């Protein structure tokens, strides 16, 4: 069983954290994030620049929510102070991406370009026509945007073409035998 919950979350300088009832709010240079936790099983207190999460009992649910709550608070604190990044690659002849205003325009071998509007709180940049960088304070939103981009053209196993995460290993299959 994980013991992640017993470690306090250190609040770095430049991050203002408040706990009201069961809602944790973090404000930092990258924005403001909220997290509502289940106060019937765990409680959170701000002590000396650290957030301490404690379970109300030793039940399985309380112990599970203890670690989960602590991890979520750590994530929002890191999000408003540093942010999260996902790197993606386009593999394939003629596959390219470019940013036009707040939209990402993808050429993925379709008869038309795919226009993806960047949601609020996420910044999308292209260092090269085949590299996409997604940056934001909300870890879940950054991952969701990356998953939606990947869904347009998943990497296929025969040639490896498609939109993939940087460093993702595409399992390759052998082609037809003659």
C-alpha atoms as a PDB file:
ATOM      1  CA  UNK A   1       0.000   0.000   0.000  1.00  0.00           C
ATOM      2  CA  UNK A   2       1.296   3.425  -0.904  1.00  0.00           C
ATOM      3  CA  UNK A   3       2.228   5.815   1.851  1.00  0.00           C
ATOM      4  CA  UNK A   4       2.235   8.954  -0.289  1.00  0.00           C
ATOM      5  CA  UNK A   5      -0.365  10.654   1.895  1.00  0.00           C
ATOM      6  CA  UNK A   6       1.882  10.998   4.936  1.00  0.00           C
ATOM      7  CA  UNK A   7       4.290  13.399   3.207  1.00  0.00           C
ATOM      8  CA  UNK A   8       3.352  17.091   3.428  1.00  0.00           C
ATOM      9  CA  UNK A   9       2.973  19.212   0.281  1.00  0.00           C
ATOM     10  CA  UNK A  10       5.493  22.066   0.347  1.00  0.00           C
ATOM     11  CA  UNK A  11       4.040  25.328  -0.963  1.00  0.00           C
ATOM     12  CA  UNK A  12       6.803  27.180  -2.875  1.00  0.00           C
ATOM     13  CA  UNK A  13       7.357  30.925  -2.756  1.00  0.00           C
ATOM     14  CA  UNK A  14       5.074  32.802  -5.122  1.00  0.00           C
ATOM     15  CA  UNK A  15       2.145  30.417  -4.604  1.00  0.00           C
ATOM     16  CA  UNK A  16      -0.781  31.507  -2.446  1.00  0.00           C
ATOM     17  CA  UNK A  17      -2.757  28.536  -1.130  1.00  0.00           C
ATOM     18  CA  UNK A  18      -6.041  28.683   0.785  1.00  0.00           C
ATOM     19  CA  UNK A  19      -8.240  25.928   2.193  1.00  0.00           C
ATOM     20  CA  UNK A  20     -11.937  26.732   2.714  1.00  0.00           C
ATOM     21  CA  UNK A  21     -14.126  23.845   3.937  1.00  0.00           C
ATOM     22  CA  UNK A  22     -13.201  21.144   1.421  1.00  0.00           C
ATOM     23  CA  UNK A  23     -11.877  23.317  -1.444  1.00  0.00           C
ATOM     24  CA  UNK A  24      -8.164  23.958  -1.949  1.00  0.00           C
ATOM     25  CA  UNK A  25      -7.356  27.025  -4.070  1.00  0.00           C
ATOM     26  CA  UNK A  26      -3.860  27.713  -5.397  1.00  0.00           C
ATOM     27  CA  UNK A  27      -2.866  30.997  -7.068  1.00  0.00           C
ATOM     28  CA  UNK A  28       0.466  31.447  -8.779  1.00  0.00           C
ATOM     29  CA  UNK A  29       2.188  33.027 -11.743  1.00  0.00           C
ATOM     30  CA  UNK A  30       0.468  30.614 -14.171  1.00  0.00           C
ATOM     31  CA  UNK A  31      -3.078  31.123 -12.922  1.00  0.00           C
ATOM     32  CA  UNK A  32      -5.505  29.796 -10.354  1.00  0.00           C
ATOM     33  CA  UNK A  33      -6.613  26.192  -9.811  1.00  0.00           C
ATOM     34  CA  UNK A  34      -9.190  24.652  -7.464  1.00  0.00           C
ATOM     35  CA  UNK A  35      -9.547  21.150  -6.055  1.00  0.00           C
ATOM     36  CA  UNK A  36     -12.523  19.935  -4.022  1.00  0.00           C
ATOM     37  CA  UNK A  37     -11.869  16.860  -1.874  1.00  0.00           C
ATOM     38  CA  UNK A  38     -14.137  14.534   0.102  1.00  0.00           C
ATOM     39  CA  UNK A  39     -14.060  15.945   3.633  1.00  0.00           C
ATOM     40  CA  UNK A  40     -15.969  12.987   5.080  1.00  0.00           C
ATOM     41  CA  UNK A  41     -12.832  10.799   4.837  1.00  0.00           C
ATOM     42  CA  UNK A  42      -9.844  13.188   4.923  1.00  0.00           C
ATOM     43  CA  UNK A  43      -8.976  16.680   6.139  1.00  0.00           C
ATOM     44  CA  UNK A  44      -6.310  19.124   4.978  1.00  0.00           C
ATOM     45  CA  UNK A  45      -4.579  21.865   6.980  1.00  0.00           C
ATOM     46  CA  UNK A  46      -2.046  24.523   6.036  1.00  0.00           C
ATOM     47  CA  UNK A  47       0.802  24.580   8.582  1.00  0.00           C
ATOM     48  CA  UNK A  48       4.087  26.516   8.192  1.00  0.00           C
ATOM     49  CA  UNK A  49       3.919  26.699   4.396  1.00  0.00           C
ATOM     50  CA  UNK A  50       3.050  23.000   4.073  1.00  0.00           C
ATOM     51  CA  UNK A  51      -0.255  21.258   3.458  1.00  0.00           C
ATOM     52  CA  UNK A  52      -0.820  18.233   5.688  1.00  0.00           C
ATOM     53  CA  UNK A  53      -3.525  15.752   4.707  1.00  0.00           C
ATOM     54  CA  UNK A  54      -4.816  13.364   7.387  1.00  0.00           C
ATOM     55  CA  UNK A  55      -7.389  10.549   7.181  1.00  0.00           C
ATOM     56  CA  UNK A  56     -10.296  10.443   9.629  1.00  0.00           C
ATOM     57  CA  UNK A  57     -10.082   6.656  10.030  1.00  0.00           C
ATOM     58  CA  UNK A  58      -7.994   3.715   8.855  1.00  0.00           C
ATOM     59  CA  UNK A  59     -10.659   2.355   6.513  1.00  0.00           C
ATOM     60  CA  UNK A  60      -9.654   1.367   3.016  1.00  0.00           C
ATOM     61  CA  UNK A  61     -11.585   4.265   1.463  1.00  0.00           C
ATOM     62  CA  UNK A  62     -10.065   6.823   3.816  1.00  0.00           C
ATOM     63  CA  UNK A  63      -6.536   5.569   3.183  1.00  0.00           C
ATOM     64  CA  UNK A  64      -7.071   5.597  -0.600  1.00  0.00           C
ATOM     65  CA  UNK A  65      -8.465   9.133  -0.528  1.00  0.00           C
ATOM     66  CA  UNK A  66      -5.611  10.210   1.761  1.00  0.00           C
ATOM     67  CA  UNK A  67      -2.978   9.564  -0.914  1.00  0.00           C
ATOM     68  CA  UNK A  68      -5.196  10.728  -3.772  1.00  0.00           C
ATOM     69  CA  UNK A  69      -6.036  14.030  -2.080  1.00  0.00           C
ATOM     70  CA  UNK A  70      -2.395  14.709  -1.270  1.00  0.00           C
ATOM     71  CA  UNK A  71      -1.347  13.933  -4.868  1.00  0.00           C
ATOM     72  CA  UNK A  72      -4.049  16.203  -6.319  1.00  0.00           C
ATOM     73  CA  UNK A  73      -3.002  19.078  -4.056  1.00  0.00           C
ATOM     74  CA  UNK A  74       0.635  18.533  -5.096  1.00  0.00           C
ATOM     75  CA  UNK A  75      -0.447  18.633  -8.753  1.00  0.00           C
ATOM     76  CA  UNK A  76      -2.296  21.958  -8.496  1.00  0.00           C
ATOM     77  CA  UNK A  77       0.585  23.523  -6.541  1.00  0.00           C
ATOM     78  CA  UNK A  78       3.082  22.392  -9.187  1.00  0.00           C
ATOM     79  CA  UNK A  79       0.710  23.501 -11.962  1.00  0.00           C
ATOM     80  CA  UNK A  80       0.394  27.113 -10.817  1.00  0.00           C
ATOM     81  CA  UNK A  81       4.128  27.416 -10.093  1.00  0.00           C
ATOM     82  CA  UNK A  82       5.829  25.469 -12.930  1.00  0.00           C
ATOM     83  CA  UNK A  83       3.143  24.150 -15.266  1.00  0.00           C
ATOM     84  CA  UNK A  84       2.951  20.946 -17.259  1.00  0.00           C
ATOM     85  CA  UNK A  85       4.200  20.163 -20.760  1.00  0.00           C
ATOM     86  CA  UNK A  86       3.411  17.437 -23.286  1.00  0.00           C
ATOM     87  CA  UNK A  87       5.561  17.041 -26.391  1.00  0.00           C
ATOM     88  CA  UNK A  88       4.154  15.413 -29.511  1.00  0.00           C
ATOM     89  CA  UNK A  89       5.638  14.345 -32.845  1.00  0.00           C
ATOM     90  CA  UNK A  90       4.124  13.992 -36.304  1.00  0.00           C
ATOM     91  CA  UNK A  91       5.544  11.048 -38.255  1.00  0.00           C
ATOM     92  CA  UNK A  92       4.688  10.636 -41.920  1.00  0.00           C
ATOM     93  CA  UNK A  93       5.336  12.131 -45.334  1.00  0.00           C
ATOM     94  CA  UNK A  94       3.578  15.488 -45.586  1.00  0.00           C
ATOM     95  CA  UNK A  95       2.405  15.488 -41.969  1.00  0.00           C
ATOM     96  CA  UNK A  96       2.935  18.930 -40.493  1.00  0.00           C
ATOM     97  CA  UNK A  97       1.519  21.364 -37.960  1.00  0.00           C
ATOM     98  CA  UNK A  98       1.405  25.129 -37.606  1.00  0.00           C
ATOM     99  CA  UNK A  99      -0.154  27.605 -35.201  1.00  0.00           C
ATOM    100  CA  UNK A 100      -2.489  30.287 -36.555  1.00  0.00           C
ATOM    101  CA  UNK A 101      -3.644  32.579 -33.762  1.00  0.00           C
ATOM    102  CA  UNK A 102      -5.184  30.345 -31.071  1.00  0.00           C
ATOM    103  CA  UNK A 103      -5.729  27.459 -33.502  1.00  0.00           C
ATOM    104  CA  UNK A 104      -3.467  24.541 -34.345  1.00  0.00           C
ATOM    105  CA  UNK A 105      -3.699  23.563 -38.006  1.00  0.00           C
ATOM    106  CA  UNK A 106      -2.688  19.962 -38.777  1.00  0.00           C
ATOM    107  CA  UNK A 107      -2.014  18.465 -42.196  1.00  0.00           C
ATOM    108  CA  UNK A 108      -2.421  14.729 -41.634  1.00  0.00           C
ATOM    109  CA  UNK A 109      -3.010  13.297 -45.097  1.00  0.00           C
ATOM    110  CA  UNK A 110      -6.720  14.039 -45.207  1.00  0.00           C
ATOM    111  CA  UNK A 111      -8.312  15.970 -48.073  1.00  0.00           C
ATOM    112  CA  UNK A 112      -8.604  18.927 -45.683  1.00  0.00           C
ATOM    113  CA  UNK A 113      -6.570  20.463 -42.871  1.00  0.00           C
ATOM    114  CA  UNK A 114      -7.646  19.706 -39.325  1.00  0.00           C
ATOM    115  CA  UNK A 115      -8.190  22.909 -37.303  1.00  0.00           C
ATOM    116  CA  UNK A 116      -7.928  22.397 -33.534  1.00  0.00           C
ATOM    117  CA  UNK A 117      -8.884  25.403 -31.357  1.00  0.00           C
ATOM    118  CA  UNK A 118      -6.714  25.592 -28.226  1.00  0.00           C
ATOM    119  CA  UNK A 119      -8.876  25.631 -25.087  1.00  0.00           C
ATOM    120  CA  UNK A 120      -8.558  28.385 -22.491  1.00  0.00           C
ATOM    121  CA  UNK A 121      -5.579  27.805 -20.224  1.00  0.00           C
ATOM    122  CA  UNK A 122      -3.519  25.805 -22.743  1.00  0.00           C
ATOM    123  CA  UNK A 123      -0.762  27.184 -24.970  1.00  0.00           C
ATOM    124  CA  UNK A 124       0.217  25.238 -28.093  1.00  0.00           C
ATOM    125  CA  UNK A 125       3.463  25.942 -29.954  1.00  0.00           C
ATOM    126  CA  UNK A 126       5.285  24.325 -32.865  1.00  0.00           C
ATOM    127  CA  UNK A 127       9.083  24.408 -32.728  1.00  0.00           C
ATOM    128  CA  UNK A 128       9.271  22.697 -36.128  1.00  0.00           C
ATOM    129  CA  UNK A 129       6.556  21.519 -38.544  1.00  0.00           C
ATOM    130  CA  UNK A 130       6.656  18.029 -36.990  1.00  0.00           C
ATOM    131  CA  UNK A 131       6.994  18.972 -33.290  1.00  0.00           C
ATOM    132  CA  UNK A 132       4.108  20.169 -31.104  1.00  0.00           C
ATOM    133  CA  UNK A 133       4.468  21.425 -27.520  1.00  0.00           C
ATOM    134  CA  UNK A 134       1.414  21.709 -25.274  1.00  0.00           C
ATOM    135  CA  UNK A 135       1.810  23.787 -22.096  1.00  0.00           C
ATOM    136  CA  UNK A 136      -0.596  24.669 -19.305  1.00  0.00           C
ATOM    137  CA  UNK A 137      -1.180  24.807 -15.565  1.00  0.00           C
ATOM    138  CA  UNK A 138      -3.894  22.134 -15.429  1.00  0.00           C
ATOM    139  CA  UNK A 139      -2.329  18.682 -15.822  1.00  0.00           C
ATOM    140  CA  UNK A 140      -5.611  17.024 -16.745  1.00  0.00           C
ATOM    141  CA  UNK A 141      -6.399  19.595 -19.442  1.00  0.00           C
ATOM    142  CA  UNK A 142      -2.914  19.344 -20.990  1.00  0.00           C
ATOM    143  CA  UNK A 143      -3.225  15.556 -21.155  1.00  0.00           C
ATOM    144  CA  UNK A 144      -6.735  15.786 -22.583  1.00  0.00           C
ATOM    145  CA  UNK A 145      -5.609  18.135 -25.372  1.00  0.00           C
ATOM    146  CA  UNK A 146      -2.713  15.802 -26.212  1.00  0.00           C
ATOM    147  CA  UNK A 147      -5.066  12.805 -26.330  1.00  0.00           C
ATOM    148  CA  UNK A 148      -7.499  14.650 -28.611  1.00  0.00           C
ATOM    149  CA  UNK A 149      -4.677  15.594 -31.003  1.00  0.00           C
ATOM    150  CA  UNK A 150      -3.431  12.007 -31.041  1.00  0.00           C
ATOM    151  CA  UNK A 151      -6.955  10.776 -31.798  1.00  0.00           C
ATOM    152  CA  UNK A 152      -6.971  12.514 -35.198  1.00  0.00           C
ATOM    153  CA  UNK A 153      -4.367  10.078 -36.554  1.00  0.00           C
ATOM    154  CA  UNK A 154      -3.119   7.402 -34.157  1.00  0.00           C
ATOM    155  CA  UNK A 155       0.285   5.855 -34.933  1.00  0.00           C
ATOM    156  CA  UNK A 156      -0.285   2.811 -37.099  1.00  0.00           C
ATOM    157  CA  UNK A 157       1.811  -0.337 -36.552  1.00  0.00           C
ATOM    158  CA  UNK A 158       3.058  -1.007 -40.106  1.00  0.00           C
ATOM    159  CA  UNK A 159       4.877   2.217 -40.998  1.00  0.00           C
ATOM    160  CA  UNK A 160       4.603   4.076 -37.683  1.00  0.00           C
ATOM    161  CA  UNK A 161       2.871   7.073 -39.268  1.00  0.00           C
ATOM    162  CA  UNK A 162       0.632   9.292 -37.175  1.00  0.00           C
ATOM    163  CA  UNK A 163       0.533  11.704 -34.229  1.00  0.00           C
ATOM    164  CA  UNK A 164       2.413  10.305 -31.239  1.00  0.00           C
ATOM    165  CA  UNK A 165       3.783  11.430 -27.899  1.00  0.00           C
ATOM    166  CA  UNK A 166       7.491  12.282 -27.889  1.00  0.00           C
ATOM    167  CA  UNK A 167       9.397   9.195 -26.839  1.00  0.00           C
ATOM    168  CA  UNK A 168       6.420   6.878 -27.389  1.00  0.00           C
ATOM    169  CA  UNK A 169       7.477   3.497 -28.734  1.00  0.00           C
ATOM    170  CA  UNK A 170       5.155   2.357 -31.527  1.00  0.00           C
ATOM    171  CA  UNK A 171       4.985  -1.388 -31.645  1.00  0.00           C
ATOM    172  CA  UNK A 172       5.750  -2.335 -35.243  1.00  0.00           C
ATOM    173  CA  UNK A 173       4.300  -5.282 -37.148  1.00  0.00           C
ATOM    174  CA  UNK A 174       5.793  -7.142 -40.037  1.00  0.00           C
ATOM    175  CA  UNK A 175       4.138  -6.487 -43.373  1.00  0.00           C
ATOM    176  CA  UNK A 176       2.764  -8.966 -45.903  1.00  0.00           C
ATOM    177  CA  UNK A 177       4.964 -11.778 -47.151  1.00  0.00           C
ATOM    178  CA  UNK A 178       5.383 -12.208 -50.910  1.00  0.00           C
END
